[in-house]
Protein backbone atom coordinates (compact mmCIF):
# COMPACT_ATOMS: atom_id res chain seq x y z
CA MET A 1 13.30 4.87 27.55
CA GLU A 2 15.94 6.15 25.12
CA ALA A 3 17.30 9.70 25.28
CA VAL A 4 15.87 10.52 21.83
CA GLU A 5 12.39 9.50 22.99
CA ILE A 6 12.67 11.59 26.17
CA ALA A 7 13.85 14.60 24.14
CA ALA A 8 10.95 14.24 21.70
CA TRP A 9 8.49 13.90 24.57
CA CYS A 10 9.81 17.05 26.26
CA LYS A 11 9.69 18.93 22.96
CA ARG A 12 6.02 18.03 22.37
CA HIS A 13 5.14 19.52 25.76
CA GLN A 14 7.58 22.45 25.43
CA LEU A 15 9.30 21.22 28.57
CA ASP A 16 12.92 22.12 29.34
CA HIS A 17 14.86 18.86 29.57
CA ALA A 18 16.68 20.16 32.63
CA HIS A 19 13.36 20.20 34.48
CA ALA A 20 12.10 16.86 33.22
CA VAL A 21 12.18 13.44 34.83
CA VAL A 22 10.70 10.24 33.42
CA LEU A 23 9.56 7.42 35.69
CA SER A 24 9.10 3.93 34.27
CA GLY A 25 7.22 0.83 35.45
CA VAL A 26 4.40 2.96 36.89
CA TYR A 27 1.00 1.37 37.50
CA ASP A 28 -0.77 4.27 39.16
CA VAL A 29 0.58 7.51 40.56
CA THR A 30 -0.65 11.03 41.34
CA ASP A 31 1.05 14.34 42.09
CA ASP A 32 0.23 13.95 45.80
CA VAL A 33 1.84 10.50 45.98
CA LEU A 34 5.03 11.86 44.44
CA LEU A 35 5.09 14.90 46.74
CA ASP A 36 4.86 12.62 49.78
CA ASP A 37 7.89 10.66 48.58
CA SER A 38 10.95 12.02 50.39
CA SER A 39 13.28 10.73 47.65
CA VAL A 40 11.97 13.32 45.16
CA LYS A 41 11.73 16.29 47.50
CA VAL A 42 15.12 17.51 46.29
CA LEU A 43 13.37 18.37 43.01
CA GLY A 44 11.04 20.84 44.70
CA LYS A 45 7.47 21.19 43.48
CA ILE A 46 6.65 18.59 40.84
CA LYS A 47 3.77 17.97 38.44
CA ILE A 48 2.85 15.02 36.23
CA VAL A 49 2.77 16.27 32.62
CA ASP A 50 1.92 13.17 30.59
CA ARG A 51 1.75 9.38 30.58
CA HIS A 52 2.79 6.96 27.86
CA PRO A 53 2.14 3.19 27.86
CA ASP A 54 5.19 0.93 27.94
CA LEU A 55 4.62 -1.53 25.08
CA THR A 56 6.92 -4.09 26.71
CA SER A 57 4.85 -4.30 29.90
CA LYS A 58 1.48 -3.33 31.33
CA THR A 59 2.89 -0.22 32.97
CA ASP A 60 3.34 3.42 31.99
CA PHE A 61 6.11 5.91 31.51
CA VAL A 62 5.33 9.15 33.37
CA LEU A 63 6.78 12.52 32.38
CA VAL A 64 7.24 14.78 35.43
CA ARG A 65 8.00 18.53 35.47
CA THR A 66 10.30 19.58 38.30
CA LEU A 67 10.82 23.00 39.85
CA ALA A 68 14.50 22.35 40.54
CA ASN A 69 17.07 21.61 37.86
CA ALA A 70 17.10 17.80 37.71
CA THR A 71 20.51 17.68 36.04
CA GLU A 72 22.12 19.46 39.01
CA GLN A 73 20.71 17.09 41.62
CA ILE A 74 21.97 13.73 42.77
CA LEU A 75 19.01 11.50 42.00
CA PRO A 76 18.52 7.91 43.08
CA ASP A 77 18.21 5.17 40.46
CA SER A 78 14.57 4.74 41.50
CA VAL A 79 12.01 6.51 43.68
CA GLY A 80 9.21 5.22 45.84
CA VAL A 81 8.69 3.26 49.03
CA PRO A 82 9.18 -0.52 48.61
CA GLY A 83 6.05 -2.36 49.62
CA GLU A 84 3.94 0.80 49.42
CA VAL A 85 4.54 2.74 46.18
CA GLY A 86 7.07 2.01 43.47
CA PRO A 87 9.94 1.84 43.30
CA TRP A 88 10.03 3.39 39.82
CA PRO A 89 13.26 3.70 37.80
CA VAL A 90 14.26 7.31 37.08
CA HIS A 91 15.35 8.53 33.63
CA ILE A 92 16.76 11.95 32.78
CA LEU A 93 18.60 13.33 29.78
CA PRO A 94 22.41 13.47 30.06
CA VAL A 95 24.06 16.73 31.11
CA ASN A 96 26.23 16.91 27.96
CA THR A 97 24.95 20.06 26.18
CA ALA A 98 26.39 19.08 22.80
CA LEU A 99 24.65 15.72 23.01
CA ILE A 100 21.36 17.36 23.99
CA ASN A 101 21.59 19.75 21.03
CA ALA A 102 22.35 16.86 18.68
CA ILE A 103 19.36 14.91 19.99
CA SER A 104 17.08 17.95 19.65
CA SER A 105 18.29 18.49 16.09
CA LEU A 106 17.57 14.84 15.28
CA VAL A 107 14.07 15.15 16.74
CA ASP A 108 13.43 18.26 14.63
CA LYS A 109 14.53 16.44 11.46
CA CYS A 110 12.32 13.45 12.25
CA ASN A 111 9.30 15.65 12.95
CA SER A 112 9.69 17.90 9.90
CA ALA A 113 8.51 16.22 6.70
CA PRO A 114 9.94 17.42 3.37
CA ALA A 115 7.74 19.93 1.56
CA ASP A 116 7.29 17.45 -1.29
CA THR A 117 5.64 14.90 1.01
CA GLN A 118 3.25 17.49 2.44
CA SER A 119 1.82 18.74 -0.84
CA TYR A 120 1.99 16.99 -4.21
CA SER A 121 -0.10 16.43 -7.31
CA LYS A 122 -1.81 13.07 -7.05
CA LEU A 123 -1.69 10.67 -9.95
CA ARG A 124 -4.78 10.06 -12.03
CA MET A 125 -6.65 6.82 -11.36
CA PHE A 126 -6.04 3.66 -13.37
CA SER A 127 -7.85 0.31 -13.08
CA GLY A 128 -7.32 -1.33 -16.48
CA VAL A 129 -11.07 -1.78 -16.94
CA ARG A 130 -12.33 -1.68 -20.55
CA PRO A 131 -13.93 0.59 -21.62
CA THR A 132 -12.18 3.16 -19.44
CA PRO A 133 -14.58 4.40 -16.71
CA SER A 134 -15.25 8.11 -16.28
CA GLY A 135 -12.58 9.81 -14.18
CA GLU A 136 -9.88 7.27 -15.05
CA GLU A 137 -7.07 7.18 -17.59
CA GLU A 138 -6.06 4.81 -20.37
CA TYR A 139 -2.82 3.00 -19.54
CA ASP A 140 -0.62 4.98 -21.97
CA ALA A 141 -1.73 8.38 -20.61
CA TRP A 142 -1.49 7.18 -17.00
CA ALA A 143 1.99 5.65 -17.52
CA GLU A 144 3.28 8.82 -19.21
CA GLN A 145 2.15 11.04 -16.33
CA THR A 146 3.41 8.60 -13.69
CA THR A 147 6.84 8.21 -15.28
CA HIS A 148 7.19 11.99 -15.41
CA MET A 149 6.14 12.41 -11.76
CA LEU A 150 8.54 9.69 -10.58
CA GLU A 151 11.37 11.83 -11.95
CA GLU A 152 9.99 15.04 -10.42
CA TRP A 153 9.18 13.83 -6.90
CA GLN A 154 11.94 14.54 -4.37
CA CYS A 155 11.11 11.78 -1.91
CA SER A 156 12.10 8.24 -0.96
CA ASP A 157 11.31 5.28 -3.19
CA SER A 158 8.92 3.85 -0.58
CA ILE A 159 6.79 7.03 -0.79
CA LYS A 160 6.83 6.85 -4.60
CA LYS A 161 5.57 3.25 -4.46
CA GLN A 162 2.84 4.26 -2.02
CA ARG A 163 1.68 7.03 -4.38
CA ILE A 164 1.55 4.60 -7.30
CA VAL A 165 -0.57 2.17 -5.27
CA GLU A 166 -2.91 5.02 -4.23
CA SER A 167 -3.67 5.73 -7.90
CA LEU A 168 -4.68 2.13 -8.69
CA LYS A 169 -8.02 0.43 -8.31
CA GLY A 170 -9.76 -2.72 -9.51
CA SER A 171 -7.52 -5.41 -11.00
CA ALA A 172 -4.56 -3.04 -11.28
CA ALA A 173 -4.56 -2.60 -7.49
CA ASP A 174 -3.45 -6.24 -7.14
CA ILE A 175 0.09 -4.89 -7.50
CA ARG A 176 0.00 -4.48 -3.72
CA PHE A 177 0.77 -8.20 -3.52
CA LEU A 178 4.15 -7.45 -5.13
CA ARG A 179 4.96 -5.33 -2.08
CA ALA A 180 4.33 -8.33 0.18
CA GLN A 181 6.21 -10.81 -2.01
CA THR A 182 9.14 -8.51 -2.91
CA PRO A 183 9.61 -5.82 -0.23
CA ASN A 184 12.74 -4.51 -1.99
CA ALA A 185 10.91 -3.84 -5.28
CA THR A 186 11.43 -0.28 -6.54
CA ALA A 187 8.91 2.16 -8.01
CA ASN A 188 10.26 1.31 -11.48
CA ASP A 189 9.66 -2.40 -10.75
CA TYR A 190 6.03 -1.49 -10.04
CA MET A 191 5.79 0.23 -13.42
CA GLN A 192 7.21 -2.83 -15.20
CA VAL A 193 4.68 -5.10 -13.50
CA LEU A 194 1.85 -2.76 -14.54
CA LYS A 195 3.15 -2.81 -18.10
CA THR A 196 2.95 -6.61 -18.03
CA PHE A 197 -0.51 -6.37 -16.47
CA ARG A 198 -1.65 -4.18 -19.35
CA HIS A 199 -0.71 -6.92 -21.85
CA THR A 200 -3.03 -9.39 -20.10
CA PHE A 201 -6.03 -7.53 -21.59
CA GLN A 202 -7.53 -8.33 -24.96
CA SER A 203 -6.71 -5.62 -27.49
CA GLU A 204 -9.28 -3.97 -29.74
CA GLY A 205 -9.70 -6.05 -32.91
CA GLU A 206 -7.78 -9.01 -31.45
CA ARG A 207 -9.35 -12.46 -31.89
CA LEU A 208 -10.15 -14.17 -28.60
CA SER A 209 -8.24 -17.30 -29.70
CA THR A 210 -5.12 -15.17 -30.22
CA TYR A 211 -5.56 -13.37 -26.91
CA LEU A 212 -5.83 -16.66 -24.97
CA LEU A 213 -2.19 -17.48 -25.75
CA ARG A 214 -0.83 -14.52 -23.75
CA PRO A 215 -2.40 -15.07 -20.31
CA ASP A 216 -1.77 -18.81 -20.65
CA LYS A 217 1.98 -18.12 -20.86
CA LEU A 218 1.78 -15.95 -17.75
CA LEU A 219 -0.21 -18.59 -15.84
CA HIS A 220 2.36 -21.27 -16.60
CA CYS A 221 5.17 -18.89 -15.67
CA ILE A 222 3.51 -18.31 -12.28
CA PHE A 223 3.01 -22.08 -11.91
CA ARG A 224 6.71 -22.73 -12.55
CA LYS A 225 7.54 -20.25 -9.80
CA ARG A 226 5.13 -22.13 -7.51
CA GLY A 227 2.74 -19.21 -7.35
CA LEU A 228 -0.32 -21.42 -7.98
CA GLN A 229 -1.40 -25.05 -8.14
CA LEU A 230 -1.74 -26.92 -11.45
CA ALA A 231 -5.35 -27.80 -10.55
CA ASP A 232 -6.23 -24.08 -10.38
CA ILE A 233 -4.92 -23.04 -13.81
CA ASN A 234 -8.08 -23.85 -15.81
CA GLN A 235 -10.32 -21.91 -13.41
CA LEU A 236 -7.95 -18.93 -13.36
CA ARG A 237 -7.84 -18.95 -17.16
CA ILE A 238 -11.64 -18.65 -17.35
CA GLU A 239 -11.60 -15.86 -14.75
CA GLN A 240 -8.97 -14.06 -16.82
CA VAL A 241 -11.17 -14.29 -19.93
CA ILE A 242 -14.13 -12.90 -17.96
CA ARG A 243 -12.17 -9.99 -16.46
CA CYS A 244 -9.86 -9.02 -19.30
CA SER A 245 -11.63 -9.73 -22.59
CA LEU A 246 -13.30 -6.94 -24.56
CA PRO A 247 -16.76 -6.17 -23.13
CA HIS A 248 -18.40 -6.50 -26.58
CA ASP A 249 -16.76 -9.83 -27.50
CA MET A 250 -19.79 -12.11 -27.88
CA ILE A 251 -17.74 -15.32 -27.68
CA ALA A 252 -16.18 -14.23 -24.38
CA MET A 253 -19.65 -13.40 -23.05
CA ARG A 254 -20.87 -16.87 -24.04
CA ILE A 255 -17.83 -18.45 -22.33
CA HIS A 256 -18.67 -16.49 -19.20
CA ILE A 257 -22.27 -17.75 -19.14
CA THR A 258 -21.41 -21.35 -20.07
CA TYR A 259 -18.77 -21.89 -17.39
CA LYS A 260 -20.46 -20.08 -14.55
CA LEU A 261 -21.69 -23.38 -13.12
CA ARG A 262 -19.76 -25.92 -15.19
CA PRO A 263 -16.17 -27.09 -14.53
CA PRO A 264 -13.66 -25.08 -16.59
CA PRO A 265 -12.21 -26.74 -19.72
CA SER A 266 -8.54 -27.39 -20.38
CA PHE A 267 -6.59 -24.87 -22.43
CA HIS A 268 -6.71 -27.13 -25.52
CA ASP A 269 -10.49 -27.63 -25.24
CA LEU A 270 -11.13 -23.92 -24.62
CA LEU A 271 -8.95 -22.88 -27.55
CA LYS A 272 -10.68 -25.41 -29.81
CA GLU A 273 -14.13 -24.24 -28.68
CA VAL A 274 -13.30 -20.57 -29.22
CA GLY A 275 -11.68 -21.28 -32.61
CA GLU A 276 -14.76 -23.16 -33.85
CA GLU A 277 -17.06 -20.32 -32.79
CA GLU A 278 -14.83 -17.76 -34.48
CA ASN A 279 -14.94 -19.78 -37.71
CA ILE A 280 -18.74 -20.01 -37.52
CA THR A 281 -18.98 -16.26 -36.87
CA HIS A 282 -16.64 -15.58 -39.79
CA LEU A 283 -18.67 -17.79 -42.15
CA ARG A 284 -21.89 -16.11 -41.04
CA GLY A 285 -20.33 -12.76 -41.79
CA GLU A 286 -19.31 -13.88 -45.28
CA THR A 287 -22.77 -15.33 -45.97
CA THR A 288 -24.44 -12.17 -44.75
CA GLY A 289 -22.14 -10.07 -46.93
CA GLN A 290 -22.90 -12.16 -50.01
CA TRP A 291 -26.63 -11.98 -49.33
CA ASP A 292 -26.44 -8.21 -48.86
CA SER A 293 -24.63 -7.83 -52.21
CA VAL A 294 -27.34 -9.89 -53.91
CA CYS A 295 -30.07 -7.81 -52.31
CA ARG A 296 -28.38 -4.58 -53.40
CA ARG A 297 -27.82 -5.76 -57.01
CA PRO A 298 -30.00 -3.74 -59.41
CA VAL A 299 -32.75 -5.80 -61.06
CA PHE A 300 -33.96 -4.98 -64.58
CA LEU A 301 -37.73 -5.30 -64.54
CA GLY A 302 -38.24 -4.72 -68.24
CA TRP A 303 -41.09 -2.93 -69.90
């Protein structure tokens, strides 16, 4: 066990390091067993304070409080009776006072979190779902607040990334995969990815045939980077239409129903199908408008 770990362990139990001994490789031990061991009698009365599992073996580290000053005694490398109990290697902190103070200072710094990490204003939630659910923010409002907070937070970039991820849900939360693929990505990289993610949604007033061009470019970009198989592109394109089109787009709703059980079409076939339906819808709108104008035209009935 390292000196820093021993110092931290003593500090947690408010134990003076000069009266602390750590035994390693222990399977089972009690105060009585230690007291009967002549090799530790130089330490006077002793008491087991705590145990900690050794992750490298199936044994424990044992923290022992001693009555005598352990740093002033000549201790063996291990204690116990071979064949009966132990032997267990002995660990104590070095006598060097300056080193002990430095280690204690390091432990204090590690244990004390910056005030900014203990209390901070959480970001509002963002999922990218349309229409925006209650309690969430539109992208522009969310991005403005987040960009401001990234400048204000006095913490590491890894904590900033974690706070961004905590504010995301639904499709937007898929940014967590960026953390796995690119561990060195910064908080600003996360914001750029979310900006790209925003553009994968159909905009208000945008024709579905126009919208289809944008996610198709992204899908092929991912394919070129070997992020997906060519055979999966058509299915992913349909899923994108279902998830990211406007909820009141009737053509997108029809696409969703049609290809629930049928194999997905190619991009060319889907674009052609959507374009034809948009033309039909447009013609129906013109016909309806002409009929309405005829119906509203004043008619002279005569006398």
